[in-house]
Amino acid sequence: MNSLWDARYVVVDVETSGHDPQRHRIIEIACVVVEYGATTQRFSSLVRCDVAPPPSIVRLTGITPEMLAQAPPEAEVMARVASLLRVKGSIFVAHNAAFDWRFVRAALERNGYPRLHLPRLCTLRLAQQLGIPAPRGLAHLSDRFGLGLTRHHRAESDAEATAELLKALLRLAFQRGIASHHELLRWR
């Protein structure tokens, strides 16, 4: 059938210790799987890593080195993430997807997983292409669509809000004549 709703969207959000995926690490990750318009799976975890977040990241996220010391190691967390992303037909979705994708790809490769070749969809770019003026922040679009983002800059809350934003944007795309996820991926 190949409608917008037939795809398997894996919505991902990461919190990181900085901006460079080679020097910095994921400190928290969340995945929300959307299939046939409904959320079917969720995964969220802090990630123990050897790169402590600087004070600016601690202030932004509330994630402390003490919290990370108790978290599962990156290899364990990325095994679960890989199992969600490697399902045939998955589409990687994130708000500002290039950032999240770079960190996820680097973490997967660091842990021995072969390079994934997934279609990627950015909710920020999709909103802009649908004519919704939006600054970079997820909070603005969450407010605009009444999505109830509660803990901004925490992976689980941001991934949940991004999944709901994706659903709203897919409805708008359909109203504008985009009928399949193949069209959507070509259109962007």
Protein backbone atom coordinates (compact mmCIF):
# COMPACT_ATOMS: atom_id res chain seq x y z
CA MET A 1 0.00 0.00 0.00
CA ASN A 2 2.81 2.47 0.89
CA SER A 3 0.69 5.20 2.48
CA LEU A 4 2.25 7.69 4.87
CA TRP A 5 1.03 5.49 7.72
CA ASP A 6 2.41 2.20 6.38
CA ALA A 7 6.00 3.14 7.19
CA ARG A 8 7.88 2.24 10.36
CA TYR A 9 9.23 5.47 11.81
CA VAL A 10 11.87 5.24 14.54
CA VAL A 11 11.87 8.62 16.27
CA VAL A 12 15.15 9.25 18.08
CA ASP A 13 16.42 11.92 20.41
CA VAL A 14 19.87 12.12 21.97
CA GLU A 15 21.40 14.24 24.67
CA THR A 16 25.16 14.49 24.31
CA SER A 17 28.26 15.67 26.15
CA GLY A 18 29.02 18.13 23.32
CA HIS A 19 28.64 18.74 19.59
CA ASP A 20 31.34 16.55 18.01
CA PRO A 21 30.42 12.84 17.68
CA GLN A 22 34.10 11.87 17.52
CA ARG A 23 35.09 13.64 20.76
CA HIS A 24 31.80 13.69 22.64
CA ARG A 25 29.33 10.95 23.51
CA ILE A 26 25.62 10.26 23.83
CA ILE A 27 24.67 10.59 27.49
CA GLU A 28 20.97 9.81 27.01
CA ILE A 29 18.96 8.34 24.14
CA ALA A 30 15.30 7.61 23.52
CA CYS A 31 13.56 5.84 20.63
CA VAL A 32 9.83 5.87 19.91
CA VAL A 33 8.61 3.54 17.17
CA VAL A 34 5.54 4.72 15.23
CA GLU A 35 3.79 2.16 13.03
CA TYR A 36 0.42 2.61 11.31
CA GLY A 37 0.00 5.94 13.10
CA ALA A 38 0.41 4.50 16.60
CA THR A 39 3.32 4.30 19.02
CA THR A 40 4.26 0.61 19.25
CA GLN A 41 7.58 0.63 21.15
CA ARG A 42 9.57 2.89 23.43
CA PHE A 43 13.11 2.73 24.70
CA SER A 44 14.97 5.27 26.81
CA SER A 45 18.22 5.12 28.73
CA LEU A 46 21.00 7.16 30.18
CA VAL A 47 24.39 6.05 28.83
CA ARG A 48 27.54 5.58 30.88
CA CYS A 49 30.45 7.06 28.98
CA ASP A 50 34.03 8.14 29.50
CA VAL A 51 33.37 11.75 28.47
CA ALA A 52 31.76 13.63 31.36
CA PRO A 53 29.28 16.32 30.39
CA PRO A 54 30.54 19.85 30.98
CA PRO A 55 28.66 22.10 33.44
CA SER A 56 26.75 23.78 30.57
CA ILE A 57 25.28 20.40 29.51
CA VAL A 58 24.48 19.50 33.13
CA ARG A 59 22.60 22.81 33.48
CA LEU A 60 20.76 22.28 30.18
CA THR A 61 19.75 18.64 30.70
CA GLY A 62 19.94 18.07 34.44
CA ILE A 63 22.01 14.94 33.69
CA THR A 64 24.90 14.72 36.15
CA PRO A 65 28.08 12.64 36.08
CA GLU A 66 26.72 10.77 39.13
CA MET A 67 23.62 9.76 37.17
CA LEU A 68 25.77 8.55 34.28
CA ALA A 69 28.01 6.50 36.57
CA GLN A 70 24.96 4.33 37.38
CA ALA A 71 23.81 4.04 33.73
CA PRO A 72 24.30 1.04 31.44
CA PRO A 73 27.40 1.14 29.21
CA GLU A 74 27.20 2.44 25.66
CA ALA A 75 27.58 -1.06 24.15
CA GLU A 76 24.50 -2.32 26.00
CA VAL A 77 22.36 0.69 25.11
CA MET A 78 23.42 0.72 21.47
CA ALA A 79 22.57 -2.98 21.13
CA ARG A 80 18.96 -2.10 21.94
CA VAL A 81 18.99 0.93 19.62
CA ALA A 82 20.45 -1.17 16.80
CA SER A 83 17.70 -3.76 17.24
CA LEU A 84 15.09 -1.01 16.73
CA LEU A 85 16.79 0.63 13.76
CA ARG A 86 17.75 -2.54 11.88
CA VAL A 87 14.15 -3.64 11.26
CA LYS A 88 13.59 -3.66 7.51
CA GLY A 89 11.75 -0.60 6.23
CA SER A 90 12.59 1.64 9.19
CA ILE A 91 12.89 5.39 8.68
CA PHE A 92 15.09 7.34 11.12
CA VAL A 93 13.26 10.45 12.37
CA ALA A 94 14.54 13.23 14.63
CA HIS A 95 14.16 16.94 15.17
CA ASN A 96 17.32 18.37 13.59
CA ALA A 97 17.98 14.84 12.35
CA ALA A 98 21.51 15.44 11.06
CA PHE A 99 22.78 16.05 14.61
CA ASP A 100 21.13 12.98 16.15
CA TRP A 101 22.05 10.76 13.20
CA ARG A 102 25.76 11.68 13.39
CA PHE A 103 25.89 10.68 17.06
CA VAL A 104 23.87 7.48 16.65
CA ARG A 105 25.92 6.40 13.62
CA ALA A 106 29.21 7.09 15.44
CA ALA A 107 28.08 5.16 18.54
CA LEU A 108 26.90 2.20 16.47
CA GLU A 109 30.16 2.08 14.49
CA ARG A 110 32.23 2.42 17.68
CA ASN A 111 30.42 -0.65 18.99
CA GLY A 112 31.07 -2.76 15.90
CA TYR A 113 27.78 -2.43 14.01
CA PRO A 114 27.96 -2.14 10.23
CA ARG A 115 26.99 1.21 8.77
CA LEU A 116 23.23 1.59 8.53
CA HIS A 117 21.73 3.02 5.38
CA LEU A 118 18.36 4.30 6.52
CA PRO A 119 16.19 6.97 5.00
CA ARG A 120 16.13 9.94 7.35
CA LEU A 121 13.38 12.42 8.04
CA CYS A 122 13.85 15.67 9.94
CA THR A 123 10.73 17.08 11.61
CA LEU A 124 12.26 20.56 11.64
CA ARG A 125 12.82 20.54 7.86
CA LEU A 126 9.46 18.90 7.23
CA ALA A 127 7.67 21.61 9.23
CA GLN A 128 9.48 24.29 7.25
CA GLN A 129 8.63 22.60 3.94
CA LEU A 130 4.98 22.46 4.99
CA GLY A 131 5.12 26.24 5.44
CA ILE A 132 5.22 26.33 9.23
CA PRO A 133 7.67 29.02 10.24
CA ALA A 134 9.65 27.47 13.05
CA PRO A 135 12.81 28.37 14.86
CA ARG A 136 15.14 25.43 15.45
CA GLY A 137 13.68 24.48 18.83
CA LEU A 138 11.30 21.60 19.34
CA ALA A 139 9.57 23.56 22.12
CA HIS A 140 8.16 26.10 19.64
CA LEU A 141 6.53 23.45 17.45
CA SER A 142 5.38 21.51 20.49
CA ASP A 143 3.57 24.61 21.73
CA ARG A 144 2.16 25.36 18.29
CA PHE A 145 0.62 21.89 18.00
CA GLY A 146 -0.29 21.57 21.70
CA LEU A 147 1.92 18.52 22.20
CA GLY A 148 2.74 19.11 25.85
CA LEU A 149 6.53 18.89 25.89
CA THR A 150 7.21 18.55 29.60
CA ARG A 151 10.95 18.02 30.09
CA HIS A 152 12.75 19.71 27.22
CA HIS A 153 16.36 18.57 26.73
CA ARG A 154 15.65 15.13 28.14
CA ALA A 155 15.67 12.41 25.49
CA GLU A 156 12.50 10.58 26.47
CA SER A 157 10.31 13.69 26.61
CA ASP A 158 11.81 15.14 23.43
CA ALA A 159 11.42 11.84 21.52
CA GLU A 160 7.78 11.53 22.63
CA ALA A 161 7.07 15.13 21.56
CA THR A 162 8.87 14.58 18.24
CA ALA A 163 6.80 11.43 17.60
CA GLU A 164 3.59 13.38 18.20
CA LEU A 165 4.90 16.21 16.02
CA LEU A 166 5.66 13.68 13.27
CA LYS A 167 2.07 12.42 13.39
CA ALA A 168 0.73 15.98 13.13
CA LEU A 169 3.08 16.78 10.23
CA LEU A 170 2.11 13.58 8.40
CA ARG A 171 -1.54 14.60 8.65
CA LEU A 172 -0.67 18.01 7.19
CA ALA A 173 1.41 16.44 4.42
CA PHE A 174 -1.50 14.17 3.53
CA GLN A 175 -3.83 17.19 3.39
CA ARG A 176 -1.34 18.79 0.98
CA GLY A 177 -1.41 15.80 -1.36
CA ILE A 178 1.54 13.73 -0.13
CA ALA A 179 0.06 10.22 -0.04
CA SER A 180 3.01 7.91 0.66
CA HIS A 181 6.18 7.85 2.68
CA HIS A 182 8.09 7.38 -0.60
CA GLU A 183 6.67 10.69 -1.88
CA LEU A 184 7.42 12.34 1.45
CA LEU A 185 11.07 11.24 1.38
CA ARG A 186 11.47 12.43 -2.24
CA TRP A 187 9.64 15.69 -1.55
CA ARG A 188 11.78 16.85 1.30
